[in-house]
């Protein structure tokens, strides 16, 4: 999770796509197209490994767009294949603030 967040902060699309499971991976992320997000923080709230191949990570990632702050609260699903964890999808939580 932290490595994927760092990849977003660096606009490292190849890393993000390589760590995205093939069953749900988009063709591209277009990270440089407007609006460009400036990532400003990550807080991992919980991690649950359900078995050897499935895990969930709940996090809050903060970012800015044109100087305005936002946060993304998500529970991400990961699957382990051949010793590597891949992002599958996520459930976005409504902002409770």
Protein backbone atom coordinates (compact mmCIF):
# COMPACT_ATOMS: atom_id res chain seq x y z
CA UNK A 1 0.00 0.00 0.00
CA UNK A 2 2.71 2.46 0.96
CA UNK A 3 4.70 1.75 -2.19
CA UNK A 4 1.62 2.38 -4.34
CA UNK A 5 0.93 5.65 -2.51
CA UNK A 6 4.54 6.70 -3.12
CA UNK A 7 4.14 5.80 -6.79
CA UNK A 8 1.10 8.08 -6.97
CA UNK A 9 3.09 10.94 -5.39
CA UNK A 10 5.78 10.44 -8.04
CA UNK A 11 3.31 9.89 -10.93
CA UNK A 12 4.99 6.51 -11.49
CA UNK A 13 2.32 5.01 -13.73
CA UNK A 14 4.39 1.96 -14.81
CA UNK A 15 4.80 0.83 -11.17
CA UNK A 16 1.11 1.35 -10.41
CA UNK A 17 0.04 -0.64 -13.46
CA UNK A 18 2.55 -3.42 -12.70
CA UNK A 19 1.17 -3.78 -9.16
CA UNK A 20 -2.47 -3.76 -10.32
CA UNK A 21 -4.06 -7.17 -10.85
CA UNK A 22 -4.52 -8.03 -14.52
CA UNK A 23 -8.24 -8.74 -14.02
CA UNK A 24 -9.00 -5.10 -13.11
CA UNK A 25 -6.00 -3.15 -14.45
CA UNK A 26 -6.89 -0.14 -16.63
CA UNK A 27 -4.98 0.48 -19.84
CA UNK A 28 -3.58 3.71 -18.43
CA UNK A 29 -4.05 6.08 -15.50
CA UNK A 30 -3.36 9.43 -17.20
CA UNK A 31 -1.82 10.84 -14.02
CA UNK A 32 -0.52 13.93 -15.81
CA UNK A 33 -3.91 15.01 -17.15
CA UNK A 34 -5.89 17.70 -15.31
CA UNK A 35 -6.79 17.86 -12.59
CA UNK A 36 -3.31 16.98 -11.33
CA UNK A 37 -3.40 15.82 -7.72
CA UNK A 38 -0.71 16.74 -5.20
CA UNK A 39 -0.59 13.93 -2.64
CA UNK A 40 0.12 15.19 0.89
CA UNK A 41 -0.33 12.27 3.28
CA UNK A 42 -1.23 8.65 3.90
CA UNK A 43 -2.59 7.02 7.04
CA UNK A 44 -3.12 3.27 7.05
CA UNK A 45 -6.07 2.55 9.35
CA UNK A 46 -6.07 -1.24 9.29
CA UNK A 47 -4.70 -4.28 7.52
CA UNK A 48 -6.39 -7.67 7.47
CA UNK A 49 -4.90 -10.71 5.79
CA UNK A 50 -7.81 -13.11 5.26
CA UNK A 51 -5.65 -16.01 4.06
CA UNK A 52 -2.36 -16.55 2.23
CA UNK A 53 -3.64 -14.88 -0.93
CA UNK A 54 -6.20 -12.22 0.10
CA UNK A 55 -5.85 -9.05 2.14
CA UNK A 56 -7.59 -5.74 2.75
CA UNK A 57 -5.93 -2.43 3.60
CA UNK A 58 -8.06 0.49 4.80
CA UNK A 59 -6.44 3.90 4.45
CA UNK A 60 -6.98 7.63 4.19
CA UNK A 61 -4.90 9.47 1.57
CA UNK A 62 -4.94 13.25 1.50
CA UNK A 63 -4.38 15.32 -1.63
CA UNK A 64 -4.85 18.79 -3.04
CA UNK A 65 -6.33 19.93 -6.32
CA UNK A 66 -5.76 23.61 -7.18
CA UNK A 67 -4.90 24.31 -3.54
CA UNK A 68 -8.09 22.72 -2.14
CA UNK A 69 -7.63 19.74 0.20
CA UNK A 70 -9.46 16.43 -0.23
CA UNK A 71 -9.18 12.97 1.23
CA UNK A 72 -9.72 9.50 -0.14
CA UNK A 73 -10.91 6.90 2.39
CA UNK A 74 -10.77 3.44 0.86
CA UNK A 75 -10.65 -0.24 1.72
CA UNK A 76 -8.38 -1.77 -0.92
CA UNK A 77 -8.45 -5.45 -1.84
CA UNK A 78 -5.21 -7.22 -2.66
CA UNK A 79 -4.42 -10.70 -3.97
CA UNK A 80 -1.10 -12.53 -3.71
CA UNK A 81 0.05 -14.38 -6.82
CA UNK A 82 3.47 -15.98 -7.27
CA UNK A 83 4.75 -14.20 -4.16
CA UNK A 84 3.63 -10.69 -5.16
CA UNK A 85 0.71 -8.63 -3.85
CA UNK A 86 -1.49 -6.99 -6.49
CA UNK A 87 -4.16 -4.32 -6.03
CA UNK A 88 -7.53 -5.63 -7.24
CA UNK A 89 -10.08 -2.94 -6.37
CA UNK A 90 -11.32 -0.76 -3.55
CA UNK A 91 -14.43 0.36 -1.76
CA UNK A 92 -14.47 4.15 -1.31
CA UNK A 93 -15.90 5.22 2.02
CA UNK A 94 -18.05 8.34 2.30
CA UNK A 95 -16.37 11.26 4.01
CA UNK A 96 -17.59 11.43 7.61
CA UNK A 97 -16.03 14.81 8.32
